[in-house]
Amino acid sequence: MRFRTEQHLRRQTEIRAVREKGERLECRSFTAWCHRRQPVDDSGATRLPRLVVAASIAAVGPAVQRNRAKRRLREIFRKHQDLLPAGCDLLLVARAAVNRRPFAELDQVFVDACGKMNRTATTKS
């Protein structure tokens, strides 16, 4: 599945809402914050999950490493976005370990995190 432009979280207010109102999941190489919006919009269409990736100099390192970390996390989201609940806003905060771990391991950690998000989504509904 493609990572469409409407799936990018860009507004600072929306990103702040994910962090303040969302649920935090600690993964080994990154932290995931998930905030659920209404799964269906006013026209009745299902809302796609949206993503923002953050990587700081202090946590990840210089620009080359930060960009690599963000590319890896965006690719994992692109591959597994169908596992996320509908209308989910996701903030992924990279750590230095995201560049040291094999891609397959990051992939599995993200899949496990999606399962946790889905379980908490069904218990809260």
Protein backbone atom coordinates (compact mmCIF):
# COMPACT_ATOMS: atom_id res chain seq x y z
CA MET A 1 0.00 0.00 0.00
CA ARG A 2 1.21 3.51 -0.75
CA PHE A 3 2.07 6.15 1.82
CA ARG A 4 -0.13 8.95 0.52
CA THR A 5 0.32 12.65 1.14
CA GLU A 6 -2.96 12.83 3.06
CA GLN A 7 -1.46 10.33 5.51
CA HIS A 8 1.25 12.75 6.63
CA LEU A 9 0.62 14.55 9.90
CA ARG A 10 1.92 18.08 9.36
CA ARG A 11 0.11 20.49 11.65
CA GLN A 12 1.78 21.14 14.98
CA THR A 13 -1.61 21.10 16.76
CA GLU A 14 -2.38 17.61 15.44
CA ILE A 15 1.06 16.30 16.39
CA ARG A 16 0.71 17.79 19.87
CA ALA A 17 -2.73 16.17 20.24
CA VAL A 18 -1.25 12.75 19.45
CA ARG A 19 1.38 13.21 22.14
CA GLU A 20 -0.95 14.65 24.79
CA LYS A 21 -4.07 12.54 24.25
CA GLY A 22 -2.56 9.44 22.69
CA GLU A 23 -1.48 6.16 24.16
CA ARG A 24 2.26 5.54 24.50
CA LEU A 25 3.87 2.24 23.53
CA GLU A 26 7.52 1.60 24.33
CA CYS A 27 9.26 -0.38 21.65
CA ARG A 28 12.94 -1.19 21.86
CA SER A 29 14.13 1.05 19.05
CA PHE A 30 11.39 3.65 18.96
CA THR A 31 8.46 5.00 20.92
CA ALA A 32 5.00 4.93 19.35
CA TRP A 33 2.18 7.27 20.31
CA CYS A 34 -1.26 6.36 18.96
CA HIS A 35 -4.31 8.62 19.05
CA ARG A 36 -7.62 7.51 17.59
CA ARG A 37 -9.84 9.89 15.65
CA GLN A 38 -13.29 9.03 14.41
CA PRO A 39 -12.77 5.99 12.12
CA VAL A 40 -15.30 7.34 9.57
CA ASP A 41 -15.48 10.91 8.26
CA ASP A 42 -18.62 12.98 7.53
CA SER A 43 -19.03 11.53 4.03
CA GLY A 44 -18.95 7.95 5.37
CA ALA A 45 -15.49 7.11 4.05
CA THR A 46 -13.04 5.23 6.25
CA ARG A 47 -10.17 7.41 7.43
CA LEU A 48 -6.67 6.24 6.66
CA PRO A 49 -4.06 6.09 9.43
CA ARG A 50 -1.72 9.09 9.51
CA LEU A 51 1.94 9.24 10.53
CA VAL A 52 4.66 11.60 11.69
CA VAL A 53 8.22 10.46 12.43
CA ALA A 54 10.55 12.38 14.74
CA ALA A 55 14.28 11.85 15.18
CA SER A 56 16.31 14.25 17.29
CA ILE A 57 20.03 14.96 17.17
CA ALA A 58 20.41 13.98 20.82
CA ALA A 59 18.64 10.63 20.43
CA VAL A 60 19.74 9.48 16.97
CA GLY A 61 22.73 11.52 15.84
CA PRO A 62 23.70 13.63 12.84
CA ALA A 63 21.52 14.25 9.79
CA VAL A 64 22.55 11.14 7.85
CA GLN A 65 21.55 8.86 10.73
CA ARG A 66 18.34 10.78 11.48
CA ASN A 67 17.24 10.59 7.83
CA ARG A 68 18.01 6.86 7.66
CA ALA A 69 16.01 6.25 10.85
CA LYS A 70 13.03 8.17 9.49
CA ARG A 71 13.16 6.35 6.13
CA ARG A 72 13.20 2.98 7.87
CA LEU A 73 10.24 3.84 10.12
CA ARG A 74 8.21 5.30 7.24
CA GLU A 75 8.80 2.13 5.19
CA ILE A 76 7.66 -0.08 8.06
CA PHE A 77 4.51 2.04 8.42
CA ARG A 78 3.88 1.85 4.67
CA LYS A 79 4.13 -1.96 4.68
CA HIS A 80 1.92 -2.50 7.74
CA GLN A 81 -0.53 0.40 7.80
CA ASP A 82 -3.42 -2.01 7.21
CA LEU A 83 -2.75 -3.49 10.68
CA LEU A 84 -3.52 -0.17 12.40
CA PRO A 85 -7.02 0.77 13.55
CA ALA A 86 -8.96 3.04 11.17
CA GLY A 87 -8.55 6.73 11.93
CA CYS A 88 -5.33 6.23 13.89
CA ASP A 89 -2.80 9.06 14.17
CA LEU A 90 0.67 7.70 14.87
CA LEU A 91 3.79 9.46 16.13
CA LEU A 92 6.99 7.43 15.96
CA VAL A 93 9.98 8.81 17.88
CA ALA A 94 13.23 7.20 16.76
CA ARG A 95 16.06 6.19 19.06
CA ALA A 96 19.67 5.46 18.13
CA ALA A 97 18.99 1.70 18.15
CA VAL A 98 16.67 2.03 15.14
CA ASN A 99 19.74 2.17 12.86
CA ARG A 100 21.58 -0.65 14.63
CA ARG A 101 18.79 -3.22 14.55
CA PRO A 102 18.12 -5.40 11.50
CA PHE A 103 15.15 -4.25 9.43
CA ALA A 104 13.31 -7.55 9.98
CA GLU A 105 13.50 -7.07 13.75
CA LEU A 106 12.11 -3.51 13.51
CA ASP A 107 9.40 -4.86 11.26
CA GLN A 108 8.36 -7.46 13.84
CA VAL A 109 8.43 -4.95 16.72
CA PHE A 110 6.09 -2.66 14.75
CA VAL A 111 3.72 -5.53 13.96
CA ASP A 112 3.62 -6.43 17.68
CA ALA A 113 2.94 -2.78 18.56
CA CYS A 114 0.06 -2.69 16.05
CA GLY A 115 -1.42 -5.75 17.72
CA LYS A 116 -1.26 -4.02 21.11
CA MET A 117 -2.91 -0.91 19.64
CA ASN A 118 -5.72 -2.99 18.16
CA ARG A 119 -6.28 -4.86 21.44
CA THR A 120 -6.55 -1.62 23.42
CA ALA A 121 -8.82 -0.14 20.71
CA THR A 122 -11.28 -3.02 21.09
CA THR A 123 -11.23 -2.98 24.88
CA LYS A 124 -11.91 0.77 25.04
CA SER A 125 -14.80 0.60 22.53
